[in-house]
Amino acid sequence: MVNLTVLLTSEPLSLDAAFRAVLDPACGGTALFVGTTRSPNQGREVDQLQYEAFAELAEPEMERVARKAAATHGLGAVYLAHRVGVVGAAEPSVIVAASAPHRAEAFAGCRELIDELKATVPIWKKERWPGGGEWVGVPNA
């Protein structure tokens, strides 16, 4: 049975919590990815990102992504966490972690987790800078 942790929260994310959530004595490989608010971006200083999510769809989709990656890569544990609300520069916006018996599967699972989360989970971000902001990656925003 795979240990899954899925979290959509306005609270700061913890690398330690992510690592602890995927520790498994049967798994010798653990991979973590941390996405942080980048500044500058495209030549403009970014003070913060504002994330919004459709939680009623985002959480079940995050669980689907986690289960699919676990099954595909033989993962022992998965951690998928994304912030909503305001996230300052250099703060974690998303943390994904995967553990597997071997490193290759852990790396592959971690990559699939972040790629699928970004592609399918209904979470949107707005870059904010002094005097303005704009939604990123949202059609007709």
N, C-alpha and C. Protein backbone atom coordinates (compact mmCIF):
# COMPACT_ATOMS: atom_id res chain seq x y z
N MET A 1 0.85 -1.18 0.00
CA MET A 1 0.00 0.00 0.00
C MET A 1 0.89 1.25 0.00
N VAL A 2 0.55 2.21 -0.82
CA VAL A 2 1.32 3.44 -0.96
C VAL A 2 0.85 4.46 0.06
N ASN A 3 1.80 5.13 0.68
CA ASN A 3 1.50 6.21 1.61
C ASN A 3 1.40 7.50 0.81
N LEU A 4 0.21 8.10 0.74
CA LEU A 4 -0.01 9.34 -0.02
C LEU A 4 -0.34 10.49 0.92
N THR A 5 0.31 11.63 0.67
CA THR A 5 -0.02 12.88 1.36
C THR A 5 -0.28 13.93 0.30
N VAL A 6 -1.47 14.51 0.33
CA VAL A 6 -1.86 15.57 -0.60
C VAL A 6 -2.32 16.75 0.24
N LEU A 7 -1.76 17.93 -0.07
CA LEU A 7 -2.02 19.10 0.76
C LEU A 7 -2.16 20.35 -0.10
N LEU A 8 -3.26 21.04 0.04
CA LEU A 8 -3.49 22.35 -0.56
C LEU A 8 -3.71 23.28 0.62
N THR A 9 -2.79 24.25 0.84
CA THR A 9 -2.81 25.00 2.08
C THR A 9 -2.36 26.44 1.90
N SER A 10 -2.82 27.30 2.78
CA SER A 10 -2.34 28.69 2.81
C SER A 10 -1.15 28.83 3.75
N GLU A 11 -0.81 27.78 4.46
CA GLU A 11 0.30 27.79 5.41
C GLU A 11 1.64 27.56 4.69
N PRO A 12 2.75 28.06 5.25
CA PRO A 12 4.06 27.78 4.66
C PRO A 12 4.32 26.28 4.56
N LEU A 13 5.03 25.89 3.50
CA LEU A 13 5.35 24.48 3.27
C LEU A 13 6.67 24.13 3.96
N SER A 14 6.79 22.88 4.36
CA SER A 14 7.95 22.41 5.11
C SER A 14 8.67 21.28 4.37
N LEU A 15 9.95 21.49 4.07
CA LEU A 15 10.76 20.43 3.48
C LEU A 15 10.88 19.25 4.43
N ASP A 16 11.04 19.55 5.70
CA ASP A 16 11.16 18.49 6.69
C ASP A 16 9.90 17.63 6.73
N ALA A 17 8.74 18.25 6.69
CA ALA A 17 7.48 17.49 6.70
C ALA A 17 7.36 16.63 5.45
N ALA A 18 7.78 17.17 4.30
CA ALA A 18 7.73 16.41 3.05
C ALA A 18 8.64 15.19 3.13
N PHE A 19 9.85 15.39 3.61
CA PHE A 19 10.81 14.29 3.72
C PHE A 19 10.30 13.22 4.68
N ARG A 20 9.81 13.65 5.85
CA ARG A 20 9.29 12.69 6.84
C ARG A 20 8.11 11.90 6.28
N ALA A 21 7.28 12.56 5.46
CA ALA A 21 6.08 11.90 4.92
C ALA A 21 6.41 10.77 3.95
N VAL A 22 7.58 10.84 3.32
CA VAL A 22 7.91 9.79 2.33
C VAL A 22 8.97 8.81 2.84
N LEU A 23 9.43 8.96 4.07
CA LEU A 23 10.38 8.00 4.62
C LEU A 23 9.72 6.63 4.72
N ASP A 24 10.42 5.63 4.21
CA ASP A 24 9.89 4.27 4.19
C ASP A 24 11.09 3.33 4.23
N PRO A 25 11.17 2.43 5.19
CA PRO A 25 12.32 1.54 5.29
C PRO A 25 12.52 0.67 4.03
N ALA A 26 11.46 0.44 3.27
CA ALA A 26 11.57 -0.37 2.06
C ALA A 26 12.07 0.44 0.86
N CYS A 27 12.21 1.74 1.05
CA CYS A 27 12.59 2.63 -0.05
C CYS A 27 13.97 3.22 0.20
N GLY A 28 14.90 2.91 -0.70
CA GLY A 28 16.26 3.41 -0.56
C GLY A 28 16.50 4.70 -1.31
N GLY A 29 15.53 5.14 -2.11
CA GLY A 29 15.69 6.38 -2.87
C GLY A 29 14.56 7.35 -2.57
N THR A 30 14.93 8.59 -2.31
CA THR A 30 13.95 9.65 -2.08
C THR A 30 14.33 10.85 -2.93
N ALA A 31 13.36 11.39 -3.64
CA ALA A 31 13.59 12.59 -4.46
C ALA A 31 12.58 13.65 -4.05
N LEU A 32 13.06 14.89 -3.95
CA LEU A 32 12.20 16.02 -3.61
C LEU A 32 12.40 17.11 -4.65
N PHE A 33 11.31 17.80 -4.98
CA PHE A 33 11.37 18.99 -5.83
C PHE A 33 10.69 20.11 -5.07
N VAL A 34 11.33 21.28 -5.06
CA VAL A 34 10.76 22.45 -4.43
C VAL A 34 10.69 23.56 -5.47
N GLY A 35 9.49 24.09 -5.68
CA GLY A 35 9.30 25.24 -6.56
C GLY A 35 9.14 26.48 -5.70
N THR A 36 9.96 27.50 -5.96
CA THR A 36 9.90 28.73 -5.18
C THR A 36 9.51 29.91 -6.06
N THR A 37 9.07 30.98 -5.43
CA THR A 37 8.75 32.21 -6.14
C THR A 37 10.05 32.81 -6.65
N ARG A 38 10.11 32.99 -7.97
CA ARG A 38 11.32 33.47 -8.64
C ARG A 38 11.23 34.97 -8.88
N SER A 39 12.34 35.65 -8.56
CA SER A 39 12.44 37.08 -8.85
C SER A 39 13.90 37.40 -9.14
N PRO A 40 14.16 38.05 -10.25
CA PRO A 40 13.20 38.56 -11.24
C PRO A 40 12.69 37.45 -12.15
N ASN A 41 11.63 37.75 -12.86
CA ASN A 41 11.07 36.85 -13.88
C ASN A 41 10.78 37.69 -15.11
N GLN A 42 11.32 37.26 -16.24
CA GLN A 42 11.15 37.95 -17.52
C GLN A 42 11.50 39.43 -17.40
N GLY A 43 12.61 39.70 -16.69
CA GLY A 43 13.12 41.06 -16.59
C GLY A 43 12.43 41.97 -15.60
N ARG A 44 11.47 41.45 -14.85
CA ARG A 44 10.73 42.28 -13.89
C ARG A 44 10.88 41.70 -12.48
N GLU A 45 11.11 42.59 -11.50
CA GLU A 45 11.18 42.16 -10.11
C GLU A 45 9.80 41.69 -9.67
N VAL A 46 9.72 40.51 -9.07
CA VAL A 46 8.47 39.96 -8.57
C VAL A 46 8.54 39.96 -7.05
N ASP A 47 7.59 40.65 -6.42
CA ASP A 47 7.54 40.70 -4.96
C ASP A 47 6.93 39.43 -4.38
N GLN A 48 5.91 38.94 -5.06
CA GLN A 48 5.19 37.77 -4.54
C GLN A 48 4.33 37.17 -5.65
N LEU A 49 3.91 35.95 -5.41
CA LEU A 49 2.93 35.29 -6.25
C LEU A 49 1.66 35.13 -5.43
N GLN A 50 0.55 35.25 -6.12
CA GLN A 50 -0.75 35.01 -5.49
C GLN A 50 -1.34 33.79 -6.19
N TYR A 51 -1.60 32.73 -5.42
CA TYR A 51 -2.15 31.49 -5.98
C TYR A 51 -3.61 31.36 -5.60
N GLU A 52 -4.40 30.93 -6.57
CA GLU A 52 -5.79 30.57 -6.32
C GLU A 52 -6.02 29.19 -6.87
N ALA A 53 -6.91 28.44 -6.23
CA ALA A 53 -7.21 27.08 -6.66
C ALA A 53 -8.70 26.84 -6.54
N PHE A 54 -9.19 25.96 -7.37
CA PHE A 54 -10.55 25.45 -7.27
C PHE A 54 -10.43 24.17 -6.43
N ALA A 55 -10.44 24.35 -5.09
CA ALA A 55 -10.10 23.28 -4.16
C ALA A 55 -10.94 22.02 -4.36
N GLU A 56 -12.23 22.17 -4.68
CA GLU A 56 -13.10 21.00 -4.84
C GLU A 56 -12.64 20.11 -5.99
N LEU A 57 -11.95 20.68 -6.97
CA LEU A 57 -11.39 19.88 -8.06
C LEU A 57 -9.90 19.64 -7.88
N ALA A 58 -9.19 20.60 -7.30
CA ALA A 58 -7.74 20.50 -7.18
C ALA A 58 -7.32 19.34 -6.28
N GLU A 59 -7.94 19.20 -5.13
CA GLU A 59 -7.52 18.15 -4.20
C GLU A 59 -7.73 16.75 -4.77
N PRO A 60 -8.91 16.45 -5.35
CA PRO A 60 -9.06 15.11 -5.96
C PRO A 60 -8.11 14.90 -7.15
N GLU A 61 -7.83 15.95 -7.90
CA GLU A 61 -6.90 15.81 -9.02
C GLU A 61 -5.48 15.58 -8.52
N MET A 62 -5.10 16.24 -7.43
CA MET A 62 -3.79 16.00 -6.84
C MET A 62 -3.68 14.54 -6.38
N GLU A 63 -4.74 14.02 -5.80
CA GLU A 63 -4.72 12.62 -5.37
C GLU A 63 -4.62 11.68 -6.57
N ARG A 64 -5.32 12.00 -7.65
CA ARG A 64 -5.24 11.18 -8.87
C ARG A 64 -3.81 11.17 -9.41
N VAL A 65 -3.20 12.35 -9.48
CA VAL A 65 -1.82 12.48 -9.95
C VAL A 65 -0.88 11.64 -9.07
N ALA A 66 -1.07 11.73 -7.77
CA ALA A 66 -0.22 10.98 -6.83
C ALA A 66 -0.38 9.47 -7.03
N ARG A 67 -1.60 9.01 -7.14
CA ARG A 67 -1.85 7.57 -7.31
C ARG A 67 -1.29 7.06 -8.64
N LYS A 68 -1.46 7.85 -9.70
CA LYS A 68 -0.95 7.44 -11.02
C LYS A 68 0.57 7.33 -11.01
N ALA A 69 1.25 8.33 -10.47
CA ALA A 69 2.72 8.29 -10.41
C ALA A 69 3.20 7.13 -9.55
N ALA A 70 2.52 6.89 -8.43
CA ALA A 70 2.90 5.78 -7.56
C ALA A 70 2.79 4.45 -8.29
N ALA A 71 1.69 4.26 -9.01
CA ALA A 71 1.48 3.00 -9.74
C ALA A 71 2.47 2.86 -10.89
N THR A 72 2.70 3.94 -11.62
CA THR A 72 3.58 3.89 -12.78
C THR A 72 5.03 3.60 -12.39
N HIS A 73 5.49 4.17 -11.30
CA HIS A 73 6.91 4.09 -10.94
C HIS A 73 7.20 3.20 -9.73
N GLY A 74 6.19 2.53 -9.20
CA GLY A 74 6.41 1.65 -8.06
C GLY A 74 6.85 2.39 -6.81
N LEU A 75 6.25 3.55 -6.58
CA LEU A 75 6.63 4.37 -5.44
C LEU A 75 6.07 3.81 -4.14
N GLY A 76 6.83 3.97 -3.07
CA GLY A 76 6.36 3.55 -1.76
C GLY A 76 5.59 4.65 -1.04
N ALA A 77 5.94 5.92 -1.35
CA ALA A 77 5.26 7.05 -0.72
C ALA A 77 5.35 8.27 -1.63
N VAL A 78 4.32 9.11 -1.53
CA VAL A 78 4.22 10.32 -2.34
C VAL A 78 3.76 11.46 -1.45
N TYR A 79 4.35 12.63 -1.65
CA TYR A 79 3.95 13.86 -0.96
C TYR A 79 3.76 14.92 -2.03
N LEU A 80 2.59 15.54 -2.04
CA LEU A 80 2.25 16.57 -3.02
C LEU A 80 1.62 17.72 -2.25
N ALA A 81 2.29 18.88 -2.20
CA ALA A 81 1.76 20.02 -1.46
C ALA A 81 1.90 21.29 -2.28
N HIS A 82 0.86 22.11 -2.29
CA HIS A 82 0.88 23.38 -3.02
C HIS A 82 0.26 24.45 -2.15
N ARG A 83 0.89 25.63 -2.16
CA ARG A 83 0.36 26.79 -1.42
C ARG A 83 -0.74 27.45 -2.22
N VAL A 84 -1.64 28.09 -1.52
CA VAL A 84 -2.59 29.03 -2.09
C VAL A 84 -2.44 30.32 -1.28
N GLY A 85 -2.90 31.42 -1.86
CA GLY A 85 -2.72 32.70 -1.21
C GLY A 85 -1.43 33.34 -1.68
N VAL A 86 -0.88 34.22 -0.85
CA VAL A 86 0.30 35.00 -1.22
C VAL A 86 1.57 34.28 -0.77
N VAL A 87 2.52 34.16 -1.71
CA VAL A 87 3.80 33.50 -1.43
C VAL A 87 4.90 34.47 -1.84
N GLY A 88 5.74 34.86 -0.89
CA GLY A 88 6.80 35.83 -1.14
C GLY A 88 7.95 35.27 -1.94
N ALA A 89 8.80 36.16 -2.43
CA ALA A 89 9.98 35.77 -3.21
C ALA A 89 10.84 34.80 -2.41
N ALA A 90 11.31 33.77 -3.08
CA ALA A 90 12.18 32.72 -2.54
C ALA A 90 11.47 31.76 -1.58
N GLU A 91 10.17 31.92 -1.36
CA GLU A 91 9.42 30.98 -0.51
C GLU A 91 8.92 29.82 -1.36
N PRO A 92 8.83 28.61 -0.77
CA PRO A 92 8.28 27.48 -1.52
C PRO A 92 6.80 27.65 -1.83
N SER A 93 6.47 27.42 -3.10
CA SER A 93 5.08 27.42 -3.55
C SER A 93 4.56 25.99 -3.67
N VAL A 94 5.45 25.08 -4.00
CA VAL A 94 5.08 23.68 -4.22
C VAL A 94 6.24 22.79 -3.79
N ILE A 95 5.87 21.67 -3.15
CA ILE A 95 6.86 20.64 -2.82
C ILE A 95 6.27 19.30 -3.22
N VAL A 96 7.04 18.54 -3.98
CA VAL A 96 6.67 17.17 -4.29
C VAL A 96 7.82 16.27 -3.86
N ALA A 97 7.48 15.10 -3.37
CA ALA A 97 8.49 14.14 -2.95
C ALA A 97 7.99 12.74 -3.27
N ALA A 98 8.95 11.88 -3.59
CA ALA A 98 8.63 10.49 -3.90
C ALA A 98 9.72 9.60 -3.35
N SER A 99 9.33 8.46 -2.80
CA SER A 99 10.30 7.47 -2.39
C SER A 99 9.99 6.16 -3.11
N ALA A 100 11.07 5.43 -3.40
CA ALA A 100 10.96 4.17 -4.12
C ALA A 100 12.12 3.28 -3.70
N PRO A 101 12.03 1.99 -4.01
CA PRO A 101 13.14 1.12 -3.65
C PRO A 101 14.49 1.57 -4.23
N HIS A 102 14.46 2.22 -5.41
CA HIS A 102 15.70 2.65 -6.06
C HIS A 102 15.58 4.08 -6.53
N ARG A 103 16.71 4.77 -6.70
CA ARG A 103 16.71 6.19 -7.04
C ARG A 103 16.09 6.50 -8.40
N ALA A 104 16.30 5.65 -9.40
CA ALA A 104 15.76 5.95 -10.73
C ALA A 104 14.24 6.12 -10.69
N GLU A 105 13.58 5.23 -9.97
CA GLU A 105 12.12 5.30 -9.86
C GLU A 105 11.69 6.52 -9.04
N ALA A 106 12.46 6.84 -8.00
CA ALA A 106 12.13 8.02 -7.18
C ALA A 106 12.25 9.29 -8.01
N PHE A 107 13.35 9.42 -8.79
CA PHE A 107 13.51 10.60 -9.65
C PHE A 107 12.41 10.68 -10.69
N ALA A 108 12.12 9.57 -11.36
CA ALA A 108 11.09 9.56 -12.40
C ALA A 108 9.72 9.90 -11.81
N GLY A 109 9.42 9.33 -10.65
CA GLY A 109 8.15 9.61 -10.00
C GLY A 109 8.03 11.07 -9.60
N CYS A 110 9.09 11.64 -9.06
CA CYS A 110 9.09 13.04 -8.64
C CYS A 110 8.86 13.95 -9.85
N ARG A 111 9.54 13.65 -10.95
CA ARG A 111 9.36 14.47 -12.16
C ARG A 111 7.92 14.38 -12.69
N GLU A 112 7.37 13.17 -12.72
CA GLU A 112 5.99 13.03 -13.17
C GLU A 112 5.03 13.78 -12.25
N LEU A 113 5.27 13.73 -10.96
CA LEU A 113 4.40 14.42 -10.01
C LEU A 113 4.33 15.92 -10.30
N ILE A 114 5.49 16.58 -10.44
CA ILE A 114 5.46 18.03 -10.65
C ILE A 114 4.93 18.36 -12.04
N ASP A 115 5.32 17.59 -13.05
CA ASP A 115 4.85 17.88 -14.41
C ASP A 115 3.33 17.72 -14.52
N GLU A 116 2.79 16.66 -13.95
CA GLU A 116 1.34 16.43 -14.02
C GLU A 116 0.57 17.43 -13.16
N LEU A 117 1.12 17.76 -11.98
CA LEU A 117 0.47 18.76 -11.14
C LEU A 117 0.33 20.07 -11.91
N LYS A 118 1.43 20.52 -12.53
CA LYS A 118 1.41 21.79 -13.26
C LYS A 118 0.47 21.73 -14.46
N ALA A 119 0.36 20.56 -15.09
CA ALA A 119 -0.44 20.44 -16.31
C ALA A 119 -1.94 20.25 -16.04
N THR A 120 -2.31 19.62 -14.93
CA THR A 120 -3.71 19.23 -14.77
C THR A 120 -4.45 19.77 -13.56
N VAL A 121 -3.74 20.22 -12.55
CA VAL A 121 -4.43 20.66 -11.32
C VAL A 121 -4.85 22.13 -11.46
N PRO A 122 -6.13 22.45 -11.18
CA PRO A 122 -6.62 23.82 -11.35
C PRO A 122 -6.14 24.78 -10.26
N ILE A 123 -4.87 25.19 -10.44
CA ILE A 123 -4.23 26.19 -9.57
C ILE A 123 -3.67 27.27 -10.49
N TRP A 124 -3.96 28.55 -10.16
CA TRP A 124 -3.53 29.66 -11.01
C TRP A 124 -2.68 30.62 -10.20
N LYS A 125 -1.76 31.30 -10.90
CA LYS A 125 -0.90 32.24 -10.18
C LYS A 125 -0.89 33.60 -10.85
N LYS A 126 -0.74 34.59 -9.98
CA LYS A 126 -0.62 35.98 -10.41
C LYS A 126 0.70 36.52 -9.87
N GLU A 127 1.54 37.02 -10.78
CA GLU A 127 2.77 37.68 -10.35
C GLU A 127 2.40 39.08 -9.89
N ARG A 128 2.96 39.49 -8.74
CA ARG A 128 2.69 40.83 -8.21
C ARG A 128 4.01 41.56 -8.04
N TRP A 129 4.02 42.81 -8.48
CA TRP A 129 5.19 43.67 -8.36
C TRP A 129 4.72 45.04 -7.94
N PRO A 130 5.63 45.93 -7.54
CA PRO A 130 5.20 47.27 -7.12
C PRO A 130 4.39 47.94 -8.24
N GLY A 131 3.18 48.32 -7.93
CA GLY A 131 2.34 49.03 -8.88
C GLY A 131 1.55 48.15 -9.83
N GLY A 132 1.56 46.82 -9.64
CA GLY A 132 0.77 46.01 -10.56
C GLY A 132 0.95 44.52 -10.39
N GLY A 133 0.41 43.83 -11.37
CA GLY A 133 0.50 42.38 -11.38
C GLY A 133 -0.24 41.82 -12.58
N GLU A 134 0.03 40.54 -12.88
CA GLU A 134 -0.70 39.89 -13.97
C GLU A 134 -0.74 38.39 -13.75
N TRP A 135 -1.84 37.79 -14.20
CA TRP A 135 -2.00 36.34 -14.13
C TRP A 135 -1.05 35.72 -15.15
N VAL A 136 -0.44 34.61 -14.77
CA VAL A 136 0.53 33.93 -15.61
C VAL A 136 -0.04 32.59 -16.04
N GLY A 137 0.03 32.32 -17.35
CA GLY A 137 -0.40 31.04 -17.86
C GLY A 137 -1.89 30.79 -17.85
N VAL A 138 -2.67 31.85 -17.73
CA VAL A 138 -4.12 31.72 -17.72
C VAL A 138 -4.64 32.33 -19.03
N PRO A 139 -5.29 31.52 -19.86
CA PRO A 139 -5.81 32.06 -21.13
C PRO A 139 -6.79 33.22 -20.89
N ASN A 140 -6.65 34.26 -21.65
CA ASN A 140 -7.54 35.42 -21.63
C ASN A 140 -7.65 36.08 -20.25
N ALA A 141 -6.57 36.03 -19.49
CA ALA A 141 -6.60 36.64 -18.16
C ALA A 141 -6.40 38.14 -18.25
